[in-house]
Amino acid sequence: MAYEQKELTGALFKNEEKVDETHADFNGSAKIGGKEYWLNAWVNVYEKDGQKRKYYKLSFKPKQPAQVQGPESKKGAFDAMDDDIPF
């Protein structure tokens, strides 16, 4: 049985593939309002009253359904063109 995320819960894991300072320190997923989100977290430090304090900055990005790759996905502006060569 596959794991199903419960409503208003999330999970973060240490980002073992971080290669750049701008990459998240932790990543995972969350479920809010019946929708699933990718979750990223960065450990930041600020100074208050002479003491350094850590906090986590979070970002949420909606998970998108997988895009269909095939002839249907390649339709575009050229579909309306006539196949007849005018000369």
C-alpha atoms as a PDB file:
ATOM      1  CA  MET A   1       0.000   0.000   0.000  1.00  0.00           C
ATOM      2  CA  ALA A   2       1.386   3.397  -1.005  1.00  0.00           C
ATOM      3  CA  TYR A   3       1.809   6.157   1.554  1.00  0.00           C
ATOM      4  CA  GLU A   4      -0.877   8.838   1.399  1.00  0.00           C
ATOM      5  CA  GLN A   5      -0.206  12.297   2.837  1.00  0.00           C
ATOM      6  CA  LYS A   6      -2.796  13.277   5.469  1.00  0.00           C
ATOM      7  CA  GLU A   7      -4.532  16.653   5.398  1.00  0.00           C
ATOM      8  CA  LEU A   8      -2.575  19.531   7.012  1.00  0.00           C
ATOM      9  CA  THR A   9       0.605  17.486   7.360  1.00  0.00           C
ATOM     10  CA  GLY A  10       3.984  17.577   5.715  1.00  0.00           C
ATOM     11  CA  ALA A  11       7.412  16.004   5.854  1.00  0.00           C
ATOM     12  CA  LEU A  12      10.876  17.491   5.301  1.00  0.00           C
ATOM     13  CA  PHE A  13      14.097  15.651   4.551  1.00  0.00           C
ATOM     14  CA  LYS A  14      17.670  16.911   4.452  1.00  0.00           C
ATOM     15  CA  ASN A  15      18.577  17.839   0.872  1.00  0.00           C
ATOM     16  CA  GLU A  16      21.453  15.429   0.149  1.00  0.00           C
ATOM     17  CA  GLU A  17      21.800  16.803  -3.396  1.00  0.00           C
ATOM     18  CA  LYS A  18      22.423  20.444  -2.435  1.00  0.00           C
ATOM     19  CA  VAL A  19      25.284  21.792  -4.564  1.00  0.00           C
ATOM     20  CA  ASP A  20      24.623  25.547  -4.461  1.00  0.00           C
ATOM     21  CA  GLU A  21      24.016  27.928  -1.536  1.00  0.00           C
ATOM     22  CA  THR A  22      20.653  28.922  -3.032  1.00  0.00           C
ATOM     23  CA  HIS A  23      19.357  25.331  -2.992  1.00  0.00           C
ATOM     24  CA  ALA A  24      17.038  24.431  -0.119  1.00  0.00           C
ATOM     25  CA  ASP A  25      18.544  22.811   2.986  1.00  0.00           C
ATOM     26  CA  PHE A  26      15.465  20.579   3.326  1.00  0.00           C
ATOM     27  CA  ASN A  27      12.748  19.487   0.894  1.00  0.00           C
ATOM     28  CA  GLY A  28       9.597  17.415   1.029  1.00  0.00           C
ATOM     29  CA  SER A  29       5.864  17.689   0.549  1.00  0.00           C
ATOM     30  CA  ALA A  30       2.691  18.800   2.324  1.00  0.00           C
ATOM     31  CA  LYS A  31      -1.064  18.513   1.847  1.00  0.00           C
ATOM     32  CA  ILE A  32      -3.178  21.615   2.468  1.00  0.00           C
ATOM     33  CA  GLY A  33      -6.806  22.079   1.492  1.00  0.00           C
ATOM     34  CA  GLY A  34      -6.826  18.760  -0.340  1.00  0.00           C
ATOM     35  CA  LYS A  35      -3.983  19.874  -2.623  1.00  0.00           C
ATOM     36  CA  GLU A  36      -0.423  18.555  -2.587  1.00  0.00           C
ATOM     37  CA  TYR A  37       2.560  20.914  -2.491  1.00  0.00           C
ATOM     38  CA  TRP A  38       6.318  20.649  -2.788  1.00  0.00           C
ATOM     39  CA  LEU A  39       7.895  22.059   0.358  1.00  0.00           C
ATOM     40  CA  ASN A  40      11.368  23.626   0.606  1.00  0.00           C
ATOM     41  CA  ALA A  41      13.079  24.996   3.705  1.00  0.00           C
ATOM     42  CA  TRP A  42      16.227  27.044   4.262  1.00  0.00           C
ATOM     43  CA  VAL A  43      17.983  27.487   7.607  1.00  0.00           C
ATOM     44  CA  ASN A  44      18.642  31.210   8.137  1.00  0.00           C
ATOM     45  CA  VAL A  45      20.196  33.198  10.965  1.00  0.00           C
ATOM     46  CA  TYR A  46      19.360  36.676  12.235  1.00  0.00           C
ATOM     47  CA  GLU A  47      20.708  38.691  15.123  1.00  0.00           C
ATOM     48  CA  LYS A  48      18.438  40.099  17.834  1.00  0.00           C
ATOM     49  CA  ASP A  49      19.594  41.708  21.085  1.00  0.00           C
ATOM     50  CA  GLY A  50      23.155  40.624  20.344  1.00  0.00           C
ATOM     51  CA  GLN A  51      22.193  36.964  19.990  1.00  0.00           C
ATOM     52  CA  LYS A  52      22.151  34.977  16.783  1.00  0.00           C
ATOM     53  CA  ARG A  53      18.949  33.042  16.267  1.00  0.00           C
ATOM     54  CA  LYS A  54      18.097  30.388  13.691  1.00  0.00           C
ATOM     55  CA  TYR A  55      14.817  30.215  11.810  1.00  0.00           C
ATOM     56  CA  TYR A  56      13.437  28.292   8.857  1.00  0.00           C
ATOM     57  CA  LYS A  57      12.268  30.031   5.698  1.00  0.00           C
ATOM     58  CA  LEU A  58       9.655  27.957   3.854  1.00  0.00           C
ATOM     59  CA  SER A  59       8.278  27.900   0.328  1.00  0.00           C
ATOM     60  CA  PHE A  60       5.358  25.931  -1.070  1.00  0.00           C
ATOM     61  CA  LYS A  61       4.840  25.110  -4.741  1.00  0.00           C
ATOM     62  CA  PRO A  62       1.754  23.259  -6.024  1.00  0.00           C
ATOM     63  CA  LYS A  63       2.499  19.822  -7.429  1.00  0.00           C
ATOM     64  CA  GLN A  64       1.519  19.723 -11.085  1.00  0.00           C
ATOM     65  CA  PRO A  65       0.053  16.627 -12.722  1.00  0.00           C
ATOM     66  CA  ALA A  66       2.426  14.882 -15.102  1.00  0.00           C
ATOM     67  CA  GLN A  67       2.437  16.475 -18.557  1.00  0.00           C
ATOM     68  CA  VAL A  68       1.405  14.225 -21.426  1.00  0.00           C
ATOM     69  CA  GLN A  69       4.216  13.801 -23.939  1.00  0.00           C
ATOM     70  CA  GLY A  70       3.075  12.790 -27.371  1.00  0.00           C
ATOM     71  CA  PRO A  71       1.538  14.053 -30.588  1.00  0.00           C
ATOM     72  CA  GLU A  72      -1.266  15.826 -28.699  1.00  0.00           C
ATOM     73  CA  SER A  73       1.203  17.957 -26.737  1.00  0.00           C
ATOM     74  CA  LYS A  74       2.904  19.201 -29.911  1.00  0.00           C
ATOM     75  CA  LYS A  75      -0.174  20.896 -31.326  1.00  0.00           C
ATOM     76  CA  GLY A  76       0.251  24.596 -31.675  1.00  0.00           C
ATOM     77  CA  ALA A  77       0.049  27.563 -34.008  1.00  0.00           C
ATOM     78  CA  PHE A  78       1.054  25.550 -37.079  1.00  0.00           C
ATOM     79  CA  ASP A  79      -1.958  23.214 -36.800  1.00  0.00           C
ATOM     80  CA  ALA A  80      -4.207  25.838 -38.408  1.00  0.00           C
ATOM     81  CA  MET A  81      -1.926  26.107 -41.455  1.00  0.00           C
ATOM     82  CA  ASP A  82      -2.919  24.483 -44.699  1.00  0.00           C
ATOM     83  CA  ASP A  83      -0.773  21.565 -45.827  1.00  0.00           C
ATOM     84  CA  ASP A  84      -1.042  22.721 -49.439  1.00  0.00           C
ATOM     85  CA  ILE A  85       2.029  24.437 -50.873  1.00  0.00           C
ATOM     86  CA  PRO A  86       0.873  27.643 -52.644  1.00  0.00           C
ATOM     87  CA  PHE A  87       3.272  27.324 -55.595  1.00  0.00           C
END
